[in-house]
Amino acid sequence: MLRKIKTPEEFISMVKELREDVFDFREACEYAPDEMGRAGLLVEPLEVVVEALYQSFVDGTYEFKDEDLPYMTIVKENNYTQLLPMLHLLKEVNRIHREGLDID
């Protein structure tokens, strides 16, 4: 289901949710490394990129662009993406980044 995001505040909230999901993913990987397997290798790169995205909102440098966010390389090139519990949210944030807000 595609989200209709109409305001910058809604989009920032979505990015905050993504940031929390990545943090939870790190905790899961640390708690059960054997169960998470190689998906744990994705945690640090995702944290770095999602945190940079969040900071761009904080410092006012964020811009919508018709190009993928840097974490999409991780998503597209990794065989373990089915283990990412926030995969849908990663893709949704990227879609909104590329297409902009749904302003009528």
N, C-alpha and C. Protein backbone atom coordinates (compact mmCIF):
# COMPACT_ATOMS: atom_id res chain seq x y z
N MET A 1 0.83 -1.17 0.00
CA MET A 1 0.00 0.00 0.00
C MET A 1 0.89 1.25 0.00
N LEU A 2 0.66 2.12 -0.94
CA LEU A 2 1.42 3.37 -1.02
C LEU A 2 0.84 4.39 -0.07
N ARG A 3 1.72 5.07 0.63
CA ARG A 3 1.27 6.11 1.56
C ARG A 3 1.12 7.42 0.81
N LYS A 4 0.10 8.16 1.18
CA LYS A 4 -0.09 9.52 0.64
C LYS A 4 0.54 10.47 1.65
N ILE A 5 1.67 11.00 1.32
CA ILE A 5 2.39 11.92 2.18
C ILE A 5 2.24 13.31 1.57
N LYS A 6 1.59 14.21 2.31
CA LYS A 6 1.27 15.52 1.76
C LYS A 6 2.10 16.65 2.34
N THR A 7 2.74 16.43 3.49
CA THR A 7 3.48 17.52 4.12
C THR A 7 4.91 17.07 4.42
N PRO A 8 5.82 18.02 4.49
CA PRO A 8 7.19 17.68 4.87
C PRO A 8 7.24 17.02 6.26
N GLU A 9 6.36 17.44 7.16
CA GLU A 9 6.35 16.87 8.51
C GLU A 9 5.98 15.38 8.49
N GLU A 10 5.05 15.01 7.61
CA GLU A 10 4.69 13.59 7.48
C GLU A 10 5.87 12.79 6.94
N PHE A 11 6.59 13.37 6.00
CA PHE A 11 7.74 12.68 5.44
C PHE A 11 8.85 12.55 6.48
N ILE A 12 9.09 13.59 7.24
CA ILE A 12 10.10 13.53 8.31
C ILE A 12 9.71 12.45 9.32
N SER A 13 8.45 12.37 9.65
CA SER A 13 7.97 11.34 10.57
C SER A 13 8.24 9.94 10.02
N MET A 14 8.05 9.79 8.74
CA MET A 14 8.31 8.51 8.08
C MET A 14 9.81 8.16 8.15
N VAL A 15 10.66 9.15 7.95
CA VAL A 15 12.11 8.93 8.02
C VAL A 15 12.51 8.60 9.46
N LYS A 16 11.88 9.24 10.43
CA LYS A 16 12.14 8.91 11.84
C LYS A 16 11.75 7.46 12.13
N GLU A 17 10.62 7.03 11.59
CA GLU A 17 10.18 5.65 11.75
C GLU A 17 11.21 4.70 11.14
N LEU A 18 11.71 5.03 9.98
CA LEU A 18 12.73 4.22 9.34
C LEU A 18 13.99 4.15 10.19
N ARG A 19 14.38 5.27 10.73
CA ARG A 19 15.56 5.34 11.60
C ARG A 19 15.38 4.41 12.82
N GLU A 20 14.20 4.43 13.42
CA GLU A 20 13.91 3.55 14.56
C GLU A 20 13.92 2.08 14.14
N ASP A 21 13.39 1.79 12.95
CA ASP A 21 13.38 0.41 12.46
C ASP A 21 14.80 -0.12 12.25
N VAL A 22 15.68 0.73 11.74
CA VAL A 22 17.07 0.31 11.54
C VAL A 22 17.73 0.06 12.89
N PHE A 23 17.44 0.90 13.87
CA PHE A 23 17.97 0.69 15.22
C PHE A 23 17.46 -0.64 15.79
N ASP A 24 16.18 -0.92 15.62
CA ASP A 24 15.61 -2.19 16.08
C ASP A 24 16.24 -3.37 15.36
N PHE A 25 16.52 -3.20 14.09
CA PHE A 25 17.18 -4.24 13.30
C PHE A 25 18.56 -4.54 13.87
N ARG A 26 19.30 -3.48 14.23
CA ARG A 26 20.61 -3.66 14.85
C ARG A 26 20.47 -4.48 16.14
N GLU A 27 19.50 -4.11 16.96
CA GLU A 27 19.31 -4.84 18.22
C GLU A 27 18.99 -6.31 17.97
N ALA A 28 18.16 -6.60 16.99
CA ALA A 28 17.82 -7.98 16.66
C ALA A 28 19.05 -8.75 16.19
N CYS A 29 19.88 -8.10 15.38
CA CYS A 29 21.10 -8.75 14.89
C CYS A 29 22.08 -9.02 16.02
N GLU A 30 22.15 -8.11 16.97
CA GLU A 30 23.05 -8.29 18.11
C GLU A 30 22.52 -9.34 19.08
N TYR A 31 21.20 -9.42 19.23
CA TYR A 31 20.58 -10.36 20.14
C TYR A 31 20.64 -11.79 19.60
N ALA A 32 20.41 -11.96 18.32
CA ALA A 32 20.36 -13.30 17.71
C ALA A 32 21.18 -13.33 16.42
N PRO A 33 22.51 -13.17 16.54
CA PRO A 33 23.33 -13.12 15.32
C PRO A 33 23.25 -14.37 14.46
N ASP A 34 23.08 -15.54 15.08
CA ASP A 34 23.00 -16.78 14.30
C ASP A 34 21.73 -16.83 13.46
N GLU A 35 20.64 -16.35 14.03
CA GLU A 35 19.37 -16.35 13.30
C GLU A 35 19.35 -15.31 12.18
N MET A 36 20.00 -14.19 12.41
CA MET A 36 20.00 -13.11 11.41
C MET A 36 20.99 -13.39 10.30
N GLY A 37 21.98 -14.23 10.58
CA GLY A 37 22.94 -14.60 9.56
C GLY A 37 23.64 -13.41 8.94
N ARG A 38 23.81 -13.48 7.66
CA ARG A 38 24.55 -12.43 6.95
C ARG A 38 23.78 -11.13 6.82
N ALA A 39 22.50 -11.13 7.15
CA ALA A 39 21.72 -9.89 7.11
C ALA A 39 22.31 -8.87 8.07
N GLY A 40 22.99 -9.34 9.11
CA GLY A 40 23.64 -8.44 10.05
C GLY A 40 24.68 -7.56 9.40
N LEU A 41 25.21 -7.99 8.27
CA LEU A 41 26.20 -7.19 7.56
C LEU A 41 25.59 -5.92 6.97
N LEU A 42 24.28 -5.89 6.85
CA LEU A 42 23.59 -4.73 6.28
C LEU A 42 23.35 -3.62 7.30
N VAL A 43 23.44 -3.96 8.58
CA VAL A 43 23.06 -2.99 9.62
C VAL A 43 23.88 -1.72 9.55
N GLU A 44 25.18 -1.83 9.59
CA GLU A 44 26.01 -0.62 9.65
C GLU A 44 25.84 0.26 8.41
N PRO A 45 25.90 -0.30 7.20
CA PRO A 45 25.70 0.59 6.03
C PRO A 45 24.33 1.25 6.03
N LEU A 46 23.29 0.53 6.45
CA LEU A 46 21.95 1.14 6.51
C LEU A 46 21.90 2.24 7.55
N GLU A 47 22.51 2.00 8.70
CA GLU A 47 22.53 3.02 9.75
C GLU A 47 23.18 4.31 9.26
N VAL A 48 24.31 4.17 8.60
CA VAL A 48 25.05 5.34 8.14
C VAL A 48 24.21 6.15 7.15
N VAL A 49 23.60 5.49 6.20
CA VAL A 49 22.85 6.19 5.16
C VAL A 49 21.54 6.77 5.70
N VAL A 50 20.83 6.02 6.51
CA VAL A 50 19.57 6.52 7.06
C VAL A 50 19.83 7.67 8.02
N GLU A 51 20.89 7.58 8.81
CA GLU A 51 21.23 8.67 9.72
C GLU A 51 21.59 9.94 8.93
N ALA A 52 22.32 9.79 7.84
CA ALA A 52 22.67 10.94 7.00
C ALA A 52 21.40 11.56 6.40
N LEU A 53 20.45 10.73 5.99
CA LEU A 53 19.18 11.23 5.48
C LEU A 53 18.45 12.02 6.56
N TYR A 54 18.36 11.45 7.74
CA TYR A 54 17.70 12.14 8.86
C TYR A 54 18.39 13.46 9.18
N GLN A 55 19.71 13.45 9.22
CA GLN A 55 20.46 14.68 9.54
C GLN A 55 20.25 15.76 8.49
N SER A 56 20.00 15.35 7.24
CA SER A 56 19.75 16.34 6.20
C SER A 56 18.45 17.10 6.47
N PHE A 57 17.49 16.46 7.14
CA PHE A 57 16.28 17.17 7.56
C PHE A 57 16.61 18.11 8.72
N VAL A 58 17.39 17.61 9.67
CA VAL A 58 17.74 18.40 10.84
C VAL A 58 18.49 19.67 10.46
N ASP A 59 19.45 19.54 9.54
CA ASP A 59 20.26 20.71 9.18
C ASP A 59 19.71 21.51 7.99
N GLY A 60 18.57 21.06 7.45
CA GLY A 60 17.90 21.82 6.40
C GLY A 60 18.49 21.66 5.01
N THR A 61 19.27 20.63 4.78
CA THR A 61 19.89 20.44 3.46
C THR A 61 19.16 19.43 2.58
N TYR A 62 18.10 18.79 3.11
CA TYR A 62 17.40 17.77 2.33
C TYR A 62 16.76 18.37 1.09
N GLU A 63 16.82 17.62 -0.01
CA GLU A 63 16.15 17.99 -1.26
C GLU A 63 15.54 16.75 -1.89
N PHE A 64 14.30 16.87 -2.37
CA PHE A 64 13.71 15.80 -3.16
C PHE A 64 14.47 15.76 -4.48
N LYS A 65 14.76 14.55 -4.97
CA LYS A 65 15.45 14.40 -6.26
C LYS A 65 14.92 13.16 -6.95
N ASP A 66 14.91 13.20 -8.27
CA ASP A 66 14.49 12.03 -9.03
C ASP A 66 15.68 11.10 -9.22
N GLU A 67 16.18 10.62 -8.08
CA GLU A 67 17.25 9.62 -8.08
C GLU A 67 17.13 8.84 -6.79
N ASP A 68 17.62 7.61 -6.81
CA ASP A 68 17.53 6.76 -5.64
C ASP A 68 18.35 7.32 -4.49
N LEU A 69 17.84 7.09 -3.28
CA LEU A 69 18.63 7.38 -2.08
C LEU A 69 19.79 6.38 -2.02
N PRO A 70 20.88 6.73 -1.40
CA PRO A 70 22.06 5.86 -1.39
C PRO A 70 21.81 4.45 -0.83
N TYR A 71 20.88 4.29 0.09
CA TYR A 71 20.66 2.95 0.63
C TYR A 71 20.03 1.99 -0.37
N MET A 72 19.49 2.50 -1.46
CA MET A 72 18.89 1.60 -2.45
C MET A 72 19.92 0.70 -3.10
N THR A 73 21.17 1.13 -3.14
CA THR A 73 22.23 0.25 -3.63
C THR A 73 22.31 -0.99 -2.75
N ILE A 74 22.22 -0.79 -1.44
CA ILE A 74 22.25 -1.91 -0.50
C ILE A 74 21.05 -2.81 -0.74
N VAL A 75 19.89 -2.22 -0.91
CA VAL A 75 18.65 -2.98 -1.10
C VAL A 75 18.69 -3.76 -2.41
N LYS A 76 19.12 -3.12 -3.48
CA LYS A 76 19.09 -3.75 -4.80
C LYS A 76 20.18 -4.79 -5.01
N GLU A 77 21.33 -4.60 -4.37
CA GLU A 77 22.46 -5.48 -4.64
C GLU A 77 22.64 -6.57 -3.60
N ASN A 78 21.72 -6.73 -2.68
CA ASN A 78 21.92 -7.69 -1.62
C ASN A 78 20.88 -8.80 -1.69
N ASN A 79 21.35 -10.03 -1.57
CA ASN A 79 20.47 -11.19 -1.63
C ASN A 79 19.71 -11.43 -0.34
N TYR A 80 19.98 -10.66 0.70
CA TYR A 80 19.38 -10.90 2.00
C TYR A 80 18.29 -9.89 2.33
N THR A 81 17.82 -9.17 1.33
CA THR A 81 16.83 -8.12 1.59
C THR A 81 15.52 -8.68 2.13
N GLN A 82 15.21 -9.95 1.87
CA GLN A 82 13.98 -10.52 2.43
C GLN A 82 14.04 -10.59 3.95
N LEU A 83 15.23 -10.47 4.51
CA LEU A 83 15.38 -10.47 5.97
C LEU A 83 15.25 -9.09 6.58
N LEU A 84 15.14 -8.07 5.74
CA LEU A 84 15.02 -6.71 6.25
C LEU A 84 13.56 -6.44 6.61
N PRO A 85 13.25 -6.32 7.90
CA PRO A 85 11.86 -6.10 8.27
C PRO A 85 11.32 -4.75 7.80
N MET A 86 12.22 -3.82 7.48
CA MET A 86 11.78 -2.49 7.07
C MET A 86 11.92 -2.29 5.56
N LEU A 87 11.98 -3.37 4.82
CA LEU A 87 12.19 -3.28 3.37
C LEU A 87 11.13 -2.42 2.69
N HIS A 88 9.86 -2.64 3.05
CA HIS A 88 8.79 -1.85 2.42
C HIS A 88 8.97 -0.36 2.73
N LEU A 89 9.31 -0.05 3.98
CA LEU A 89 9.48 1.36 4.36
C LEU A 89 10.68 1.97 3.64
N LEU A 90 11.76 1.22 3.49
CA LEU A 90 12.92 1.70 2.73
C LEU A 90 12.49 2.10 1.31
N LYS A 91 11.71 1.23 0.68
CA LYS A 91 11.26 1.48 -0.68
C LYS A 91 10.28 2.65 -0.75
N GLU A 92 9.40 2.78 0.25
CA GLU A 92 8.43 3.88 0.26
C GLU A 92 9.12 5.23 0.44
N VAL A 93 10.07 5.30 1.35
CA VAL A 93 10.79 6.56 1.55
C VAL A 93 11.53 6.93 0.26
N ASN A 94 12.12 5.95 -0.38
CA ASN A 94 12.81 6.22 -1.64
C ASN A 94 11.85 6.71 -2.72
N ARG A 95 10.67 6.08 -2.80
CA ARG A 95 9.67 6.48 -3.80
C ARG A 95 9.26 7.94 -3.59
N ILE A 96 8.99 8.31 -2.35
CA ILE A 96 8.57 9.68 -2.05
C ILE A 96 9.71 10.65 -2.32
N HIS A 97 10.94 10.24 -1.99
CA HIS A 97 12.11 11.07 -2.29
C HIS A 97 12.18 11.37 -3.79
N ARG A 98 11.92 10.37 -4.60
CA ARG A 98 12.00 10.52 -6.05
C ARG A 98 10.82 11.28 -6.64
N GLU A 99 9.61 11.02 -6.12
CA GLU A 99 8.39 11.59 -6.71
C GLU A 99 7.91 12.86 -6.03
N GLY A 100 8.38 13.11 -4.82
CA GLY A 100 7.92 14.28 -4.08
C GLY A 100 6.65 13.99 -3.30
N LEU A 101 6.12 15.01 -2.69
CA LEU A 101 4.92 14.88 -1.87
C LEU A 101 3.68 14.76 -2.74
N ASP A 102 2.65 14.11 -2.20
CA ASP A 102 1.37 13.95 -2.92
C ASP A 102 0.48 15.15 -2.62
N ILE A 103 0.80 16.26 -3.23
CA ILE A 103 0.03 17.47 -3.03
C ILE A 103 -0.99 17.60 -4.16
N ASP A 104 -2.26 17.73 -3.77
CA ASP A 104 -3.33 17.85 -4.78
C ASP A 104 -3.37 19.23 -5.36
